[in-house]
Amino acid sequence: MSLNIRYPFSIDGRGRVAEADLDDHIRQLIEQVLFTGPGERVNRPTFGSEIQQLLFAPNSPELAAATQFMVQGALEQWLEDVIQVEAVEVESDDSRLTVTVQYIKRRTQERQLAEFTREV
């Protein structure tokens, strides 16, 4: 059994690395891909997505479509061995960004839906 380290990293009450169950761990992995910008990880300069730049871009159907494509590509690139992405929906409203990801966990073949929101 592998250790699913909790994100953000923390120490639990026993003084050990805090763990997450599989569902929480996958959700945390998706969140890391979504909200880490390329260049933020020292040894993985292409890790992440450029989704946070959307908070400052004008809304349009073209931007929404491009964003969905970009997010799905980033998730497939970095988490392809963990999840199968079925659908991505991105909504930007003023300084609020909401991303909904529908996916299948590869290990159990369970379908999941996760929503992530960020505000500036």
N, C-alpha and C. Protein backbone atom coordinates (compact mmCIF):
# COMPACT_ATOMS: atom_id res chain seq x y z
N MET A 1 0.85 -1.18 0.00
CA MET A 1 0.00 0.00 0.00
C MET A 1 0.89 1.24 0.00
N SER A 2 0.57 2.19 -0.87
CA SER A 2 1.39 3.39 -0.97
C SER A 2 0.86 4.48 -0.03
N LEU A 3 1.75 5.40 0.29
CA LEU A 3 1.42 6.52 1.16
C LEU A 3 0.85 7.65 0.33
N ASN A 4 -0.34 8.11 0.65
CA ASN A 4 -0.96 9.26 -0.02
C ASN A 4 -0.74 10.48 0.85
N ILE A 5 0.26 11.27 0.52
CA ILE A 5 0.61 12.43 1.32
C ILE A 5 -0.43 13.52 1.14
N ARG A 6 -0.89 14.08 2.26
CA ARG A 6 -1.89 15.15 2.25
C ARG A 6 -1.29 16.42 1.65
N TYR A 7 -2.13 17.13 0.90
CA TYR A 7 -1.75 18.41 0.32
C TYR A 7 -2.70 19.46 0.88
N PRO A 8 -2.22 20.59 1.36
CA PRO A 8 -0.81 20.92 1.48
C PRO A 8 -0.13 20.07 2.55
N PHE A 9 1.16 19.90 2.39
CA PHE A 9 1.95 19.07 3.27
C PHE A 9 1.79 19.51 4.72
N SER A 10 1.62 18.52 5.60
CA SER A 10 1.50 18.84 7.03
C SER A 10 1.93 17.63 7.85
N ILE A 11 2.06 17.84 9.13
CA ILE A 11 2.39 16.79 10.08
C ILE A 11 1.14 16.50 10.90
N ASP A 12 0.84 15.22 11.10
CA ASP A 12 -0.36 14.86 11.86
C ASP A 12 -0.09 14.91 13.37
N GLY A 13 -1.07 14.57 14.17
CA GLY A 13 -0.98 14.62 15.62
C GLY A 13 0.04 13.66 16.22
N ARG A 14 0.45 12.66 15.44
CA ARG A 14 1.44 11.69 15.92
C ARG A 14 2.86 12.11 15.55
N GLY A 15 3.00 13.26 14.87
CA GLY A 15 4.33 13.72 14.46
C GLY A 15 4.79 13.09 13.15
N ARG A 16 3.88 12.50 12.40
CA ARG A 16 4.20 11.86 11.12
C ARG A 16 3.63 12.67 9.97
N VAL A 17 4.06 12.33 8.78
CA VAL A 17 3.53 12.99 7.58
C VAL A 17 2.03 12.68 7.50
N ALA A 18 1.22 13.72 7.35
CA ALA A 18 -0.24 13.55 7.27
C ALA A 18 -0.61 12.85 5.97
N GLU A 19 -1.54 11.91 6.07
CA GLU A 19 -1.98 11.14 4.92
C GLU A 19 -3.40 11.53 4.52
N ALA A 20 -3.76 11.17 3.29
CA ALA A 20 -5.11 11.40 2.78
C ALA A 20 -5.63 10.07 2.24
N ASP A 21 -6.96 9.87 2.30
CA ASP A 21 -7.51 8.67 1.68
C ASP A 21 -7.44 8.85 0.16
N LEU A 22 -7.70 7.78 -0.59
CA LEU A 22 -7.50 7.81 -2.04
C LEU A 22 -8.32 8.91 -2.71
N ASP A 23 -9.59 9.06 -2.35
CA ASP A 23 -10.43 10.09 -2.98
C ASP A 23 -9.88 11.49 -2.73
N ASP A 24 -9.52 11.78 -1.48
CA ASP A 24 -8.95 13.09 -1.15
C ASP A 24 -7.62 13.30 -1.86
N HIS A 25 -6.81 12.25 -1.91
CA HIS A 25 -5.49 12.35 -2.56
C HIS A 25 -5.64 12.70 -4.04
N ILE A 26 -6.55 12.04 -4.74
CA ILE A 26 -6.76 12.33 -6.16
C ILE A 26 -7.27 13.75 -6.33
N ARG A 27 -8.19 14.16 -5.50
CA ARG A 27 -8.70 15.54 -5.57
C ARG A 27 -7.57 16.55 -5.35
N GLN A 28 -6.69 16.26 -4.41
CA GLN A 28 -5.55 17.14 -4.13
C GLN A 28 -4.57 17.16 -5.30
N LEU A 29 -4.37 16.03 -5.96
CA LEU A 29 -3.51 15.99 -7.14
C LEU A 29 -4.07 16.87 -8.26
N ILE A 30 -5.39 16.76 -8.48
CA ILE A 30 -6.04 17.58 -9.52
C ILE A 30 -5.87 19.05 -9.18
N GLU A 31 -6.09 19.41 -7.93
CA GLU A 31 -5.95 20.80 -7.49
C GLU A 31 -4.53 21.31 -7.74
N GLN A 32 -3.53 20.48 -7.48
CA GLN A 32 -2.15 20.89 -7.71
C GLN A 32 -1.89 21.17 -9.19
N VAL A 33 -2.40 20.31 -10.07
CA VAL A 33 -2.21 20.52 -11.50
C VAL A 33 -2.92 21.80 -11.94
N LEU A 34 -4.15 21.99 -11.48
CA LEU A 34 -4.92 23.15 -11.90
C LEU A 34 -4.30 24.48 -11.47
N PHE A 35 -3.86 24.56 -10.22
CA PHE A 35 -3.49 25.85 -9.66
C PHE A 35 -1.99 26.05 -9.47
N THR A 36 -1.19 25.20 -10.12
CA THR A 36 0.25 25.43 -10.18
C THR A 36 0.56 25.93 -11.58
N GLY A 37 1.24 27.05 -11.66
CA GLY A 37 1.59 27.59 -12.96
C GLY A 37 2.90 27.00 -13.46
N PRO A 38 3.02 26.82 -14.77
CA PRO A 38 4.29 26.34 -15.32
C PRO A 38 5.45 27.23 -14.84
N GLY A 39 6.51 26.58 -14.41
CA GLY A 39 7.67 27.31 -13.90
C GLY A 39 7.71 27.41 -12.39
N GLU A 40 6.65 27.06 -11.69
CA GLU A 40 6.62 27.15 -10.23
C GLU A 40 7.33 25.98 -9.56
N ARG A 41 7.42 24.84 -10.21
CA ARG A 41 8.10 23.66 -9.65
C ARG A 41 9.53 23.62 -10.17
N VAL A 42 10.47 23.53 -9.26
CA VAL A 42 11.89 23.61 -9.61
C VAL A 42 12.31 22.55 -10.62
N ASN A 43 12.04 21.30 -10.35
CA ASN A 43 12.50 20.22 -11.22
C ASN A 43 11.46 19.76 -12.24
N ARG A 44 10.34 20.44 -12.29
CA ARG A 44 9.29 20.15 -13.28
C ARG A 44 8.78 21.47 -13.84
N PRO A 45 9.55 22.10 -14.71
CA PRO A 45 9.18 23.44 -15.19
C PRO A 45 7.91 23.50 -16.03
N THR A 46 7.46 22.38 -16.58
CA THR A 46 6.24 22.39 -17.38
C THR A 46 5.02 21.90 -16.61
N PHE A 47 5.20 21.53 -15.33
CA PHE A 47 4.09 21.02 -14.53
C PHE A 47 3.05 22.10 -14.30
N GLY A 48 1.78 21.72 -14.36
CA GLY A 48 0.69 22.63 -14.03
C GLY A 48 -0.09 23.08 -15.24
N SER A 49 -0.85 24.14 -15.04
CA SER A 49 -1.65 24.74 -16.12
C SER A 49 -1.58 26.25 -15.96
N GLU A 50 -2.04 26.94 -16.96
CA GLU A 50 -2.01 28.41 -16.92
C GLU A 50 -3.39 28.98 -16.60
N ILE A 51 -4.17 28.22 -15.87
CA ILE A 51 -5.56 28.58 -15.64
C ILE A 51 -5.72 29.86 -14.80
N GLN A 52 -4.79 30.14 -13.91
CA GLN A 52 -4.95 31.32 -13.06
C GLN A 52 -4.89 32.63 -13.86
N GLN A 53 -4.29 32.59 -15.03
CA GLN A 53 -4.25 33.78 -15.88
C GLN A 53 -5.65 34.16 -16.37
N LEU A 54 -6.58 33.22 -16.34
CA LEU A 54 -7.94 33.49 -16.80
C LEU A 54 -8.67 34.51 -15.94
N LEU A 55 -8.25 34.61 -14.70
CA LEU A 55 -8.92 35.56 -13.82
C LEU A 55 -8.82 36.99 -14.33
N PHE A 56 -7.83 37.24 -15.18
CA PHE A 56 -7.61 38.60 -15.67
C PHE A 56 -7.94 38.74 -17.16
N ALA A 57 -8.46 37.69 -17.78
CA ALA A 57 -8.79 37.72 -19.20
C ALA A 57 -10.28 38.00 -19.38
N PRO A 58 -10.66 38.68 -20.47
CA PRO A 58 -12.08 38.94 -20.71
C PRO A 58 -12.81 37.64 -21.05
N ASN A 59 -14.02 37.51 -20.54
CA ASN A 59 -14.81 36.31 -20.79
C ASN A 59 -15.28 36.27 -22.24
N SER A 60 -15.25 35.07 -22.81
CA SER A 60 -15.80 34.84 -24.14
C SER A 60 -15.97 33.34 -24.34
N PRO A 61 -16.84 32.94 -25.25
CA PRO A 61 -17.01 31.50 -25.53
C PRO A 61 -15.70 30.87 -26.03
N GLU A 62 -14.93 31.63 -26.81
CA GLU A 62 -13.66 31.11 -27.33
C GLU A 62 -12.67 30.87 -26.20
N LEU A 63 -12.60 31.79 -25.25
CA LEU A 63 -11.70 31.64 -24.11
C LEU A 63 -12.11 30.44 -23.27
N ALA A 64 -13.41 30.27 -23.05
CA ALA A 64 -13.89 29.13 -22.27
C ALA A 64 -13.52 27.81 -22.94
N ALA A 65 -13.70 27.72 -24.25
CA ALA A 65 -13.37 26.50 -24.98
C ALA A 65 -11.87 26.22 -24.93
N ALA A 66 -11.06 27.24 -25.13
CA ALA A 66 -9.60 27.06 -25.08
C ALA A 66 -9.15 26.64 -23.69
N THR A 67 -9.78 27.21 -22.67
CA THR A 67 -9.42 26.87 -21.29
C THR A 67 -9.78 25.42 -20.97
N GLN A 68 -10.96 25.00 -21.38
CA GLN A 68 -11.35 23.62 -21.14
C GLN A 68 -10.38 22.65 -21.81
N PHE A 69 -9.98 22.96 -23.02
CA PHE A 69 -9.02 22.13 -23.75
C PHE A 69 -7.67 22.10 -23.03
N MET A 70 -7.20 23.27 -22.59
CA MET A 70 -5.92 23.37 -21.90
C MET A 70 -5.93 22.61 -20.56
N VAL A 71 -7.00 22.75 -19.79
CA VAL A 71 -7.11 22.08 -18.50
C VAL A 71 -7.16 20.57 -18.69
N GLN A 72 -7.98 20.11 -19.63
CA GLN A 72 -8.08 18.68 -19.87
C GLN A 72 -6.73 18.11 -20.30
N GLY A 73 -6.01 18.83 -21.17
CA GLY A 73 -4.69 18.39 -21.60
C GLY A 73 -3.70 18.29 -20.46
N ALA A 74 -3.70 19.28 -19.57
CA ALA A 74 -2.78 19.26 -18.42
C ALA A 74 -3.10 18.10 -17.48
N LEU A 75 -4.38 17.86 -17.22
CA LEU A 75 -4.76 16.75 -16.35
C LEU A 75 -4.40 15.41 -16.97
N GLU A 76 -4.63 15.28 -18.28
CA GLU A 76 -4.27 14.03 -18.95
C GLU A 76 -2.76 13.82 -18.96
N GLN A 77 -2.00 14.88 -19.15
CA GLN A 77 -0.55 14.76 -19.18
C GLN A 77 0.02 14.34 -17.83
N TRP A 78 -0.42 14.98 -16.76
CA TRP A 78 0.20 14.76 -15.45
C TRP A 78 -0.46 13.68 -14.61
N LEU A 79 -1.72 13.36 -14.88
CA LEU A 79 -2.42 12.39 -14.03
C LEU A 79 -2.99 11.21 -14.82
N GLU A 80 -2.48 10.95 -16.02
CA GLU A 80 -3.05 9.90 -16.86
C GLU A 80 -3.02 8.52 -16.23
N ASP A 81 -2.07 8.26 -15.34
CA ASP A 81 -2.01 6.95 -14.70
C ASP A 81 -2.95 6.85 -13.48
N VAL A 82 -3.54 7.98 -13.07
CA VAL A 82 -4.41 8.01 -11.89
C VAL A 82 -5.88 8.17 -12.27
N ILE A 83 -6.17 9.02 -13.26
CA ILE A 83 -7.56 9.29 -13.65
C ILE A 83 -7.71 9.30 -15.16
N GLN A 84 -8.96 9.10 -15.59
CA GLN A 84 -9.34 9.29 -16.98
C GLN A 84 -10.31 10.47 -16.99
N VAL A 85 -9.92 11.55 -17.59
CA VAL A 85 -10.75 12.76 -17.62
C VAL A 85 -11.88 12.56 -18.63
N GLU A 86 -13.11 12.78 -18.18
CA GLU A 86 -14.27 12.67 -19.06
C GLU A 86 -14.76 14.03 -19.53
N ALA A 87 -14.76 15.01 -18.63
CA ALA A 87 -15.26 16.34 -18.99
C ALA A 87 -14.67 17.38 -18.05
N VAL A 88 -14.51 18.58 -18.60
CA VAL A 88 -14.02 19.72 -17.83
C VAL A 88 -14.92 20.90 -18.15
N GLU A 89 -15.36 21.60 -17.11
CA GLU A 89 -16.16 22.82 -17.29
C GLU A 89 -15.48 23.94 -16.53
N VAL A 90 -15.29 25.07 -17.18
CA VAL A 90 -14.61 26.21 -16.56
C VAL A 90 -15.53 27.42 -16.61
N GLU A 91 -15.70 28.06 -15.46
CA GLU A 91 -16.50 29.29 -15.39
C GLU A 91 -15.67 30.37 -14.73
N SER A 92 -15.65 31.53 -15.35
CA SER A 92 -14.94 32.67 -14.78
C SER A 92 -15.94 33.80 -14.60
N ASP A 93 -16.03 34.30 -13.37
CA ASP A 93 -16.97 35.37 -13.06
C ASP A 93 -16.26 36.38 -12.18
N ASP A 94 -16.01 37.56 -12.73
CA ASP A 94 -15.24 38.60 -12.05
C ASP A 94 -13.91 38.03 -11.56
N SER A 95 -13.70 37.96 -10.26
CA SER A 95 -12.42 37.47 -9.73
C SER A 95 -12.55 36.04 -9.22
N ARG A 96 -13.59 35.34 -9.65
CA ARG A 96 -13.84 33.97 -9.19
C ARG A 96 -13.73 33.01 -10.37
N LEU A 97 -12.96 31.95 -10.18
CA LEU A 97 -12.77 30.93 -11.20
C LEU A 97 -13.24 29.59 -10.63
N THR A 98 -14.15 28.91 -11.35
CA THR A 98 -14.65 27.61 -10.91
C THR A 98 -14.36 26.59 -12.01
N VAL A 99 -13.74 25.49 -11.61
CA VAL A 99 -13.43 24.40 -12.54
C VAL A 99 -14.10 23.14 -12.02
N THR A 100 -14.88 22.50 -12.88
CA THR A 100 -15.52 21.24 -12.54
C THR A 100 -14.92 20.15 -13.42
N VAL A 101 -14.45 19.08 -12.79
CA VAL A 101 -13.80 17.98 -13.51
C VAL A 101 -14.57 16.70 -13.24
N GLN A 102 -14.98 16.03 -14.31
CA GLN A 102 -15.60 14.72 -14.19
C GLN A 102 -14.56 13.71 -14.66
N TYR A 103 -14.32 12.69 -13.84
CA TYR A 103 -13.26 11.74 -14.16
C TYR A 103 -13.59 10.35 -13.63
N ILE A 104 -12.82 9.39 -14.10
CA ILE A 104 -12.93 8.01 -13.61
C ILE A 104 -11.60 7.66 -12.94
N LYS A 105 -11.68 7.15 -11.71
CA LYS A 105 -10.48 6.70 -11.02
C LYS A 105 -10.02 5.41 -11.68
N ARG A 106 -8.80 5.37 -12.16
CA ARG A 106 -8.30 4.19 -12.89
C ARG A 106 -8.25 2.95 -12.00
N ARG A 107 -7.88 3.11 -10.74
CA ARG A 107 -7.73 1.96 -9.85
C ARG A 107 -9.05 1.24 -9.59
N THR A 108 -10.14 2.00 -9.42
CA THR A 108 -11.42 1.39 -9.04
C THR A 108 -12.51 1.51 -10.11
N GLN A 109 -12.25 2.30 -11.17
CA GLN A 109 -13.21 2.56 -12.24
C GLN A 109 -14.46 3.29 -11.74
N GLU A 110 -14.34 3.99 -10.62
CA GLU A 110 -15.45 4.79 -10.10
C GLU A 110 -15.45 6.16 -10.77
N ARG A 111 -16.65 6.63 -11.11
CA ARG A 111 -16.80 7.96 -11.70
C ARG A 111 -16.90 8.98 -10.56
N GLN A 112 -16.19 10.09 -10.70
CA GLN A 112 -16.16 11.14 -9.68
C GLN A 112 -16.39 12.51 -10.33
N LEU A 113 -16.85 13.43 -9.53
CA LEU A 113 -17.03 14.82 -9.95
C LEU A 113 -16.40 15.70 -8.88
N ALA A 114 -15.51 16.59 -9.28
CA ALA A 114 -14.86 17.48 -8.32
C ALA A 114 -14.95 18.92 -8.82
N GLU A 115 -15.20 19.83 -7.88
CA GLU A 115 -15.30 21.25 -8.22
C GLU A 115 -14.25 22.01 -7.42
N PHE A 116 -13.58 22.93 -8.10
CA PHE A 116 -12.53 23.73 -7.48
C PHE A 116 -12.81 25.20 -7.76
N THR A 117 -12.65 26.04 -6.74
CA THR A 117 -12.91 27.47 -6.89
C THR A 117 -11.73 28.26 -6.35
N ARG A 118 -11.36 29.30 -7.07
CA ARG A 118 -10.31 30.22 -6.62
C ARG A 118 -10.79 31.65 -6.83
N GLU A 119 -10.41 32.49 -5.90
CA GLU A 119 -10.73 33.92 -6.01
C GLU A 119 -9.43 34.72 -5.87
N VAL A 120 -9.40 35.84 -6.54
CA VAL A 120 -8.22 36.72 -6.45
C VAL A 120 -8.39 37.65 -5.28
